[in-house]
């Protein structure tokens, strides 16, 4: 899956999610692995509702945290690629 500014993904509804402090712990759909997200990852996860594009995620990240747009773009692309590879998100 190519992830560009127009890419929209949604959290996999088959993944149990638990809030742990400011972060999240997410179990993969097979129930064999857990993935921990820090505060920023949890912030982005909560926007993965099938309506927000990568560009919108980047804009939200830049508006909320002190990060340059170019760095935010790279970070969000990498983050989404990891979530897709783990089957935690799917194309919307």
PDB file of N, CA and C in Angstrom:
ATOM      1  N   UNK A   1       0.845  -1.182   0.000  1.00  0.00           N
ATOM      2  CA  UNK A   1       0.000   0.000   0.000  1.00  0.00           C
ATOM      3  C   UNK A   1       0.887   1.240   0.000  1.00  0.00           C
ATOM      4  N   UNK A   2       0.662   2.134  -0.932  1.00  0.00           N
ATOM      5  CA  UNK A   2       1.376   3.391  -0.990  1.00  0.00           C
ATOM      6  C   UNK A   2       0.671   4.410  -0.101  1.00  0.00           C
ATOM      7  N   UNK A   3       1.447   5.081   0.727  1.00  0.00           N
ATOM      8  CA  UNK A   3       0.871   6.060   1.647  1.00  0.00           C
ATOM      9  C   UNK A   3       1.299   7.450   1.196  1.00  0.00           C
ATOM     10  N   UNK A   4       0.334   8.231   0.696  1.00  0.00           N
ATOM     11  CA  UNK A   4       0.614   9.594   0.266  1.00  0.00           C
ATOM     12  C   UNK A   4      -0.354  10.546   0.976  1.00  0.00           C
ATOM     13  N   UNK A   5      -0.344  11.822   0.610  1.00  0.00           N
ATOM     14  CA  UNK A   5      -1.147  12.816   1.329  1.00  0.00           C
ATOM     15  C   UNK A   5      -2.640  12.550   1.279  1.00  0.00           C
ATOM     16  N   UNK A   6      -3.111  11.825   0.278  1.00  0.00           N
ATOM     17  CA  UNK A   6      -4.541  11.558   0.154  1.00  0.00           C
ATOM     18  C   UNK A   6      -4.958  10.229   0.778  1.00  0.00           C
ATOM     19  N   UNK A   7      -3.994   9.455   1.256  1.00  0.00           N
ATOM     20  CA  UNK A   7      -4.298   8.149   1.831  1.00  0.00           C
ATOM     21  C   UNK A   7      -5.142   8.300   3.083  1.00  0.00           C
ATOM     22  N   UNK A   8      -6.215   7.524   3.131  1.00  0.00           N
ATOM     23  CA  UNK A   8      -7.092   7.501   4.301  1.00  0.00           C
ATOM     24  C   UNK A   8      -7.141   6.062   4.805  1.00  0.00           C
ATOM     25  N   UNK A   9      -6.857   5.892   6.077  1.00  0.00           N
ATOM     26  CA  UNK A   9      -6.950   4.566   6.684  1.00  0.00           C
ATOM     27  C   UNK A   9      -7.850   4.663   7.909  1.00  0.00           C
ATOM     28  N   UNK A  10      -8.314   3.513   8.337  1.00  0.00           N
ATOM     29  CA  UNK A  10      -9.158   3.442   9.528  1.00  0.00           C
ATOM     30  C   UNK A  10      -8.610   2.357  10.441  1.00  0.00           C
ATOM     31  N   UNK A  11      -8.783   2.544  11.728  1.00  0.00           N
ATOM     32  CA  UNK A  11      -8.380   1.538  12.695  1.00  0.00           C
ATOM     33  C   UNK A  11      -9.129   0.243  12.409  1.00  0.00           C
ATOM     34  N   UNK A  12      -8.426  -0.873  12.502  1.00  0.00           N
ATOM     35  CA  UNK A  12      -9.032  -2.179  12.311  1.00  0.00           C
ATOM     36  C   UNK A  12      -9.971  -2.443  13.493  1.00  0.00           C
ATOM     37  N   UNK A  13     -11.271  -2.622  13.229  1.00  0.00           N
ATOM     38  CA  UNK A  13     -12.223  -2.818  14.334  1.00  0.00           C
ATOM     39  C   UNK A  13     -12.020  -4.134  15.074  1.00  0.00           C
ATOM     40  N   UNK A  14     -11.203  -5.033  14.520  1.00  0.00           N
ATOM     41  CA  UNK A  14     -10.941  -6.316  15.162  1.00  0.00           C
ATOM     42  C   UNK A  14      -9.783  -6.257  16.158  1.00  0.00           C
ATOM     43  N   UNK A  15      -9.254  -5.059  16.389  1.00  0.00           N
ATOM     44  CA  UNK A  15      -8.117  -4.886  17.301  1.00  0.00           C
ATOM     45  C   UNK A  15      -8.579  -4.290  18.627  1.00  0.00           C
ATOM     46  N   UNK A  16      -8.479  -5.056  19.706  1.00  0.00           N
ATOM     47  CA  UNK A  16      -8.809  -4.495  21.014  1.00  0.00           C
ATOM     48  C   UNK A  16      -7.805  -3.400  21.387  1.00  0.00           C
ATOM     49  N   UNK A  17      -8.311  -2.317  21.972  1.00  0.00           N
ATOM     50  CA  UNK A  17      -7.477  -1.176  22.348  1.00  0.00           C
ATOM     51  C   UNK A  17      -7.721  -0.858  23.818  1.00  0.00           C
ATOM     52  N   UNK A  18      -6.632  -0.590  24.527  1.00  0.00           N
ATOM     53  CA  UNK A  18      -6.745  -0.221  25.941  1.00  0.00           C
ATOM     54  C   UNK A  18      -5.898   1.016  26.199  1.00  0.00           C
ATOM     55  N   UNK A  19      -6.500   1.980  26.889  1.00  0.00           N
ATOM     56  CA  UNK A  19      -5.783   3.198  27.301  1.00  0.00           C
ATOM     57  C   UNK A  19      -4.871   2.842  28.463  1.00  0.00           C
ATOM     58  N   UNK A  20      -3.599   3.237  28.368  1.00  0.00           N
ATOM     59  CA  UNK A  20      -2.645   3.036  29.449  1.00  0.00           C
ATOM     60  C   UNK A  20      -1.909   4.356  29.637  1.00  0.00           C
ATOM     61  N   UNK A  21      -2.290   5.084  30.667  1.00  0.00           N
ATOM     62  CA  UNK A  21      -1.726   6.423  30.853  1.00  0.00           C
ATOM     63  C   UNK A  21      -2.085   7.282  29.652  1.00  0.00           C
ATOM     64  N   UNK A  22      -1.101   8.017  29.129  1.00  0.00           N
ATOM     65  CA  UNK A  22      -1.381   8.846  27.957  1.00  0.00           C
ATOM     66  C   UNK A  22      -1.312   8.062  26.640  1.00  0.00           C
ATOM     67  N   UNK A  23      -0.917   6.807  26.701  1.00  0.00           N
ATOM     68  CA  UNK A  23      -0.757   6.000  25.494  1.00  0.00           C
ATOM     69  C   UNK A  23      -1.823   4.934  25.353  1.00  0.00           C
ATOM     70  N   UNK A  24      -1.588   4.057  24.378  1.00  0.00           N
ATOM     71  CA  UNK A  24      -2.520   2.966  24.103  1.00  0.00           C
ATOM     72  C   UNK A  24      -1.751   1.667  23.937  1.00  0.00           C
ATOM     73  N   UNK A  25      -2.415   0.569  24.242  1.00  0.00           N
ATOM     74  CA  UNK A  25      -1.913  -0.757  23.910  1.00  0.00           C
ATOM     75  C   UNK A  25      -2.960  -1.375  22.996  1.00  0.00           C
ATOM     76  N   UNK A  26      -2.498  -1.862  21.850  1.00  0.00           N
ATOM     77  CA  UNK A  26      -3.399  -2.414  20.837  1.00  0.00           C
ATOM     78  C   UNK A  26      -2.976  -3.848  20.556  1.00  0.00           C
ATOM     79  N   UNK A  27      -3.946  -4.751  20.548  1.00  0.00           N
ATOM     80  CA  UNK A  27      -3.664  -6.139  20.205  1.00  0.00           C
ATOM     81  C   UNK A  27      -3.973  -6.350  18.737  1.00  0.00           C
ATOM     82  N   UNK A  28      -3.119  -7.111  18.063  1.00  0.00           N
ATOM     83  CA  UNK A  28      -3.381  -7.382  16.655  1.00  0.00           C
ATOM     84  C   UNK A  28      -4.616  -8.266  16.524  1.00  0.00           C
ATOM     85  N   UNK A  29      -5.211  -8.316  15.323  1.00  0.00           N
ATOM     86  CA  UNK A  29      -6.461  -9.068  15.164  1.00  0.00           C
ATOM     87  C   UNK A  29      -6.326 -10.561  15.439  1.00  0.00           C
ATOM     88  N   UNK A  30      -5.131 -11.121  15.275  1.00  0.00           N
ATOM     89  CA  UNK A  30      -4.930 -12.541  15.551  1.00  0.00           C
ATOM     90  C   UNK A  30      -4.799 -12.823  17.045  1.00  0.00           C
ATOM     91  N   UNK A  31      -4.621 -11.774  17.838  1.00  0.00           N
ATOM     92  CA  UNK A  31      -4.474 -11.938  19.273  1.00  0.00           C
ATOM     93  C   UNK A  31      -3.120 -12.470  19.678  1.00  0.00           C
ATOM     94  N   UNK A  32      -2.127 -12.288  18.824  1.00  0.00           N
ATOM     95  CA  UNK A  32      -0.811 -12.850  19.093  1.00  0.00           C
ATOM     96  C   UNK A  32       0.250 -11.823  19.479  1.00  0.00           C
ATOM     97  N   UNK A  33      -0.022 -10.547  19.276  1.00  0.00           N
ATOM     98  CA  UNK A  33       0.975  -9.518  19.582  1.00  0.00           C
ATOM     99  C   UNK A  33       0.283  -8.242  20.043  1.00  0.00           C
ATOM    100  N   UNK A  34       0.958  -7.519  20.927  1.00  0.00           N
ATOM    101  CA  UNK A  34       0.463  -6.214  21.351  1.00  0.00           C
ATOM    102  C   UNK A  34       1.431  -5.149  20.857  1.00  0.00           C
ATOM    103  N   UNK A  35       0.893  -3.970  20.666  1.00  0.00           N
ATOM    104  CA  UNK A  35       1.661  -2.832  20.180  1.00  0.00           C
ATOM    105  C   UNK A  35       1.367  -1.652  21.098  1.00  0.00           C
ATOM    106  N   UNK A  36       2.416  -1.018  21.582  1.00  0.00           N
ATOM    107  CA  UNK A  36       2.263   0.128  22.480  1.00  0.00           C
ATOM    108  C   UNK A  36       2.444   1.418  21.710  1.00  0.00           C
ATOM    109  N   UNK A  37       1.555   2.355  21.944  1.00  0.00           N
ATOM    110  CA  UNK A  37       1.657   3.677  21.348  1.00  0.00           C
ATOM    111  C   UNK A  37       1.855   4.695  22.458  1.00  0.00           C
ATOM    112  N   UNK A  38       2.783   5.618  22.234  1.00  0.00           N
ATOM    113  CA  UNK A  38       2.986   6.698  23.194  1.00  0.00           C
ATOM    114  C   UNK A  38       1.890   7.744  23.008  1.00  0.00           C
ATOM    115  N   UNK A  39       2.019   8.857  23.692  1.00  0.00           N
ATOM    116  CA  UNK A  39       1.003   9.907  23.645  1.00  0.00           C
ATOM    117  C   UNK A  39       0.747  10.404  22.219  1.00  0.00           C
ATOM    118  N   UNK A  40       1.811  10.603  21.448  1.00  0.00           N
ATOM    119  CA  UNK A  40       1.649  11.092  20.073  1.00  0.00           C
ATOM    120  C   UNK A  40       1.004  10.021  19.203  1.00  0.00           C
ATOM    121  N   UNK A  41       1.435   8.779  19.370  1.00  0.00           N
ATOM    122  CA  UNK A  41       0.822   7.691  18.617  1.00  0.00           C
ATOM    123  C   UNK A  41      -0.657   7.550  18.948  1.00  0.00           C
ATOM    124  N   UNK A  42      -1.009   7.704  20.224  1.00  0.00           N
ATOM    125  CA  UNK A  42      -2.413   7.638  20.640  1.00  0.00           C
ATOM    126  C   UNK A  42      -3.212   8.791  20.034  1.00  0.00           C
ATOM    127  N   UNK A  43      -2.603   9.979  19.998  1.00  0.00           N
ATOM    128  CA  UNK A  43      -3.245  11.134  19.378  1.00  0.00           C
ATOM    129  C   UNK A  43      -3.583  10.830  17.919  1.00  0.00           C
ATOM    130  N   UNK A  44      -2.606  10.286  17.190  1.00  0.00           N
ATOM    131  CA  UNK A  44      -2.849   9.957  15.779  1.00  0.00           C
ATOM    132  C   UNK A  44      -3.853   8.811  15.647  1.00  0.00           C
ATOM    133  N   UNK A  45      -3.737   7.793  16.485  1.00  0.00           N
ATOM    134  CA  UNK A  45      -4.653   6.652  16.437  1.00  0.00           C
ATOM    135  C   UNK A  45      -6.106   7.118  16.544  1.00  0.00           C
ATOM    136  N   UNK A  46      -6.345   8.068  17.422  1.00  0.00           N
ATOM    137  CA  UNK A  46      -7.709   8.562  17.625  1.00  0.00           C
ATOM    138  C   UNK A  46      -8.252   9.317  16.419  1.00  0.00           C
ATOM    139  N   UNK A  47      -7.392   9.670  15.480  1.00  0.00           N
ATOM    140  CA  UNK A  47      -7.829  10.319  14.240  1.00  0.00           C
ATOM    141  C   UNK A  47      -8.013   9.318  13.095  1.00  0.00           C
ATOM    142  N   UNK A  48      -7.699   8.059  13.332  1.00  0.00           N
ATOM    143  CA  UNK A  48      -7.799   7.042  12.280  1.00  0.00           C
ATOM    144  C   UNK A  48      -9.218   6.489  12.221  1.00  0.00           C
ATOM    145  N   UNK A  49     -10.124   7.354  11.785  1.00  0.00           N
ATOM    146  CA  UNK A  49     -11.544   7.031  11.778  1.00  0.00           C
ATOM    147  C   UNK A  49     -12.100   6.807  10.376  1.00  0.00           C
ATOM    148  N   UNK A  50     -11.199   6.746   9.394  1.00  0.00           N
ATOM    149  CA  UNK A  50     -11.649   6.544   8.024  1.00  0.00           C
ATOM    150  C   UNK A  50     -12.070   7.818   7.331  1.00  0.00           C
ATOM    151  N   UNK A  51     -11.865   8.959   7.976  1.00  0.00           N
ATOM    152  CA  UNK A  51     -12.238  10.242   7.378  1.00  0.00           C
ATOM    153  C   UNK A  51     -11.053  11.184   7.196  1.00  0.00           C
ATOM    154  N   UNK A  52      -9.949  10.917   7.907  1.00  0.00           N
ATOM    155  CA  UNK A  52      -8.797  11.819   7.867  1.00  0.00           C
ATOM    156  C   UNK A  52      -7.702  11.264   6.957  1.00  0.00           C
ATOM    157  N   UNK A  53      -7.223  12.108   6.053  1.00  0.00           N
ATOM    158  CA  UNK A  53      -6.130  11.725   5.157  1.00  0.00           C
ATOM    159  C   UNK A  53      -4.797  11.906   5.878  1.00  0.00           C
ATOM    160  N   UNK A  54      -3.746  11.369   5.292  1.00  0.00           N
ATOM    161  CA  UNK A  54      -2.415  11.567   5.843  1.00  0.00           C
ATOM    162  C   UNK A  54      -2.132  13.057   5.976  1.00  0.00           C
ATOM    163  N   UNK A  55      -2.485  13.839   4.983  1.00  0.00           N
ATOM    164  CA  UNK A  55      -2.272  15.280   5.042  1.00  0.00           C
ATOM    165  C   UNK A  55      -2.973  15.915   6.225  1.00  0.00           C
ATOM    166  N   UNK A  56      -4.177  15.475   6.522  1.00  0.00           N
ATOM    167  CA  UNK A  56      -4.914  16.003   7.670  1.00  0.00           C
ATOM    168  C   UNK A  56      -4.280  15.559   8.989  1.00  0.00           C
ATOM    169  N   UNK A  57      -3.755  14.342   9.021  1.00  0.00           N
ATOM    170  CA  UNK A  57      -3.055  13.873  10.216  1.00  0.00           C
ATOM    171  C   UNK A  57      -1.819  14.719  10.468  1.00  0.00           C
ATOM    172  N   UNK A  58      -1.084  15.009   9.398  1.00  0.00           N
ATOM    173  CA  UNK A  58       0.110  15.848   9.514  1.00  0.00           C
ATOM    174  C   UNK A  58      -0.281  17.234  10.022  1.00  0.00           C
ATOM    175  N   UNK A  59      -1.317  17.814   9.447  1.00  0.00           N
ATOM    176  CA  UNK A  59      -1.766  19.142   9.885  1.00  0.00           C
ATOM    177  C   UNK A  59      -2.135  19.138  11.371  1.00  0.00           C
ATOM    178  N   UNK A  60      -2.828  18.109  11.821  1.00  0.00           N
ATOM    179  CA  UNK A  60      -3.227  18.015  13.230  1.00  0.00           C
ATOM    180  C   UNK A  60      -2.004  17.856  14.128  1.00  0.00           C
ATOM    181  N   UNK A  61      -1.045  17.063  13.687  1.00  0.00           N
ATOM    182  CA  UNK A  61       0.174  16.860  14.460  1.00  0.00           C
ATOM    183  C   UNK A  61       0.957  18.165  14.603  1.00  0.00           C
ATOM    184  N   UNK A  62       1.109  18.888  13.505  1.00  0.00           N
ATOM    185  CA  UNK A  62       1.832  20.160  13.520  1.00  0.00           C
ATOM    186  C   UNK A  62       1.116  21.186  14.395  1.00  0.00           C
ATOM    187  N   UNK A  63      -0.206  21.195  14.357  1.00  0.00           N
ATOM    188  CA  UNK A  63      -0.979  22.161  15.143  1.00  0.00           C
ATOM    189  C   UNK A  63      -0.945  21.849  16.639  1.00  0.00           C
ATOM    190  N   UNK A  64      -0.745  20.595  16.998  1.00  0.00           N
ATOM    191  CA  UNK A  64      -0.819  20.186  18.401  1.00  0.00           C
ATOM    192  C   UNK A  64       0.549  20.056  19.065  1.00  0.00           C
ATOM    193  N   UNK A  65       1.544  19.622  18.302  1.00  0.00           N
ATOM    194  CA  UNK A  65       2.879  19.395  18.843  1.00  0.00           C
ATOM    195  C   UNK A  65       3.888  20.276  18.108  1.00  0.00           C
ATOM    196  N   UNK A  66       4.997  20.541  18.735  1.00  0.00           N
ATOM    197  CA  UNK A  66       6.037  21.360  18.122  1.00  0.00           C
ATOM    198  C   UNK A  66       6.869  20.487  17.188  1.00  0.00           C
ATOM    199  N   UNK A  67       6.446  20.412  15.944  1.00  0.00           N
ATOM    200  CA  UNK A  67       7.143  19.613  14.936  1.00  0.00           C
ATOM    201  C   UNK A  67       7.002  20.318  13.598  1.00  0.00           C
ATOM    202  N   UNK A  68       8.067  20.261  12.811  1.00  0.00           N
ATOM    203  CA  UNK A  68       8.051  20.866  11.483  1.00  0.00           C
ATOM    204  C   UNK A  68       7.222  19.993  10.532  1.00  0.00           C
ATOM    205  N   UNK A  69       6.539  20.603   9.566  1.00  0.00           N
ATOM    206  CA  UNK A  69       5.701  19.831   8.640  1.00  0.00           C
ATOM    207  C   UNK A  69       6.453  18.710   7.914  1.00  0.00           C
ATOM    208  N   UNK A  70       7.675  18.956   7.470  1.00  0.00           N
ATOM    209  CA  UNK A  70       8.421  17.915   6.748  1.00  0.00           C
ATOM    210  C   UNK A  70       8.700  16.717   7.652  1.00  0.00           C
ATOM    211  N   UNK A  71       9.102  16.992   8.896  1.00  0.00           N
ATOM    212  CA  UNK A  71       9.361  15.906   9.844  1.00  0.00           C
ATOM    213  C   UNK A  71       8.069  15.184  10.202  1.00  0.00           C
ATOM    214  N   UNK A  72       6.999  15.937  10.396  1.00  0.00           N
ATOM    215  CA  UNK A  72       5.705  15.334  10.711  1.00  0.00           C
ATOM    216  C   UNK A  72       5.242  14.420   9.582  1.00  0.00           C
ATOM    217  N   UNK A  73       5.440  14.847   8.340  1.00  0.00           N
ATOM    218  CA  UNK A  73       5.044  14.026   7.188  1.00  0.00           C
ATOM    219  C   UNK A  73       5.784  12.698   7.197  1.00  0.00           C
ATOM    220  N   UNK A  74       7.103  12.751   7.367  1.00  0.00           N
ATOM    221  CA  UNK A  74       7.903  11.528   7.401  1.00  0.00           C
ATOM    222  C   UNK A  74       7.476  10.635   8.556  1.00  0.00           C
ATOM    223  N   UNK A  75       7.292  11.229   9.725  1.00  0.00           N
ATOM    224  CA  UNK A  75       6.913  10.451  10.909  1.00  0.00           C
ATOM    225  C   UNK A  75       5.545   9.795  10.744  1.00  0.00           C
ATOM    226  N   UNK A  76       4.582  10.518  10.217  1.00  0.00           N
ATOM    227  CA  UNK A  76       3.233   9.965  10.050  1.00  0.00           C
ATOM    228  C   UNK A  76       3.238   8.876   8.983  1.00  0.00           C
ATOM    229  N   UNK A  77       3.971   9.073   7.894  1.00  0.00           N
ATOM    230  CA  UNK A  77       4.059   8.026   6.868  1.00  0.00           C
ATOM    231  C   UNK A  77       4.656   6.755   7.456  1.00  0.00           C
ATOM    232  N   UNK A  78       5.741   6.888   8.226  1.00  0.00           N
ATOM    233  CA  UNK A  78       6.370   5.720   8.848  1.00  0.00           C
ATOM    234  C   UNK A  78       5.425   5.054   9.841  1.00  0.00           C
ATOM    235  N   UNK A  79       4.745   5.860  10.638  1.00  0.00           N
ATOM    236  CA  UNK A  79       3.800   5.349  11.625  1.00  0.00           C
ATOM    237  C   UNK A  79       2.687   4.554  10.953  1.00  0.00           C
ATOM    238  N   UNK A  80       2.093   5.129   9.911  1.00  0.00           N
ATOM    239  CA  UNK A  80       1.012   4.438   9.200  1.00  0.00           C
ATOM    240  C   UNK A  80       1.510   3.164   8.535  1.00  0.00           C
ATOM    241  N   UNK A  81       2.710   3.203   7.966  1.00  0.00           N
ATOM    242  CA  UNK A  81       3.268   2.006   7.321  1.00  0.00           C
ATOM    243  C   UNK A  81       3.429   0.878   8.337  1.00  0.00           C
ATOM    244  N   UNK A  82       3.871   1.207   9.548  1.00  0.00           N
ATOM    245  CA  UNK A  82       4.014   0.190  10.597  1.00  0.00           C
ATOM    246  C   UNK A  82       2.656  -0.370  11.018  1.00  0.00           C
ATOM    247  N   UNK A  83       1.665   0.499  11.124  1.00  0.00           N
ATOM    248  CA  UNK A  83       0.327   0.050  11.506  1.00  0.00           C
ATOM    249  C   UNK A  83      -0.290  -0.828  10.422  1.00  0.00           C
ATOM    250  N   UNK A  84      -0.090  -0.467   9.170  1.00  0.00           N
ATOM    251  CA  UNK A  84      -0.602  -1.285   8.051  1.00  0.00           C
ATOM    252  C   UNK A  84       0.085  -2.643   8.067  1.00  0.00           C
ATOM    253  N   UNK A  85       1.405  -2.667   8.232  1.00  0.00           N
ATOM    254  CA  UNK A  85       2.151  -3.931   8.239  1.00  0.00           C
ATOM    255  C   UNK A  85       1.688  -4.856   9.366  1.00  0.00           C
ATOM    256  N   UNK A  86       1.265  -4.272  10.482  1.00  0.00           N
ATOM    257  CA  UNK A  86       0.800  -5.071  11.634  1.00  0.00           C
ATOM    258  C   UNK A  86      -0.695  -5.384  11.548  1.00  0.00           C
ATOM    259  N   UNK A  87      -1.363  -4.950  10.471  1.00  0.00           N
ATOM    260  CA  UNK A  87      -2.796  -5.139  10.264  1.00  0.00           C
ATOM    261  C   UNK A  87      -3.644  -4.449  11.337  1.00  0.00           C
ATOM    262  N   UNK A  88      -3.110  -3.353  11.901  1.00  0.00           N
ATOM    263  CA  UNK A  88      -3.862  -2.589  12.891  1.00  0.00           C
ATOM    264  C   UNK A  88      -4.757  -1.547  12.234  1.00  0.00           C
ATOM    265  N   UNK A  89      -4.434  -1.177  11.016  1.00  0.00           N
ATOM    266  CA  UNK A  89      -5.268  -0.249  10.241  1.00  0.00           C
ATOM    267  C   UNK A  89      -5.451  -0.819   8.845  1.00  0.00           C
ATOM    268  N   UNK A  90      -6.470  -0.333   8.197  1.00  0.00           N
ATOM    269  CA  UNK A  90      -6.800  -0.773   6.835  1.00  0.00           C
ATOM    270  C   UNK A  90      -7.187   0.420   5.994  1.00  0.00           C
ATOM    271  N   UNK A  91      -7.059   0.302   4.666  1.00  0.00           N
ATOM    272  CA  UNK A  91      -7.516   1.398   3.804  1.00  0.00           C
ATOM    273  C   UNK A  91      -9.000   1.647   4.038  1.00  0.00           C
ATOM    274  N   UNK A  92      -9.366   2.915   4.040  1.00  0.00           N
ATOM    275  CA  UNK A  92     -10.773   3.262   4.249  1.00  0.00           C
ATOM    276  C   UNK A  92     -11.520   3.277   2.927  1.00  0.00           C
TER     277      UNK A  92
END
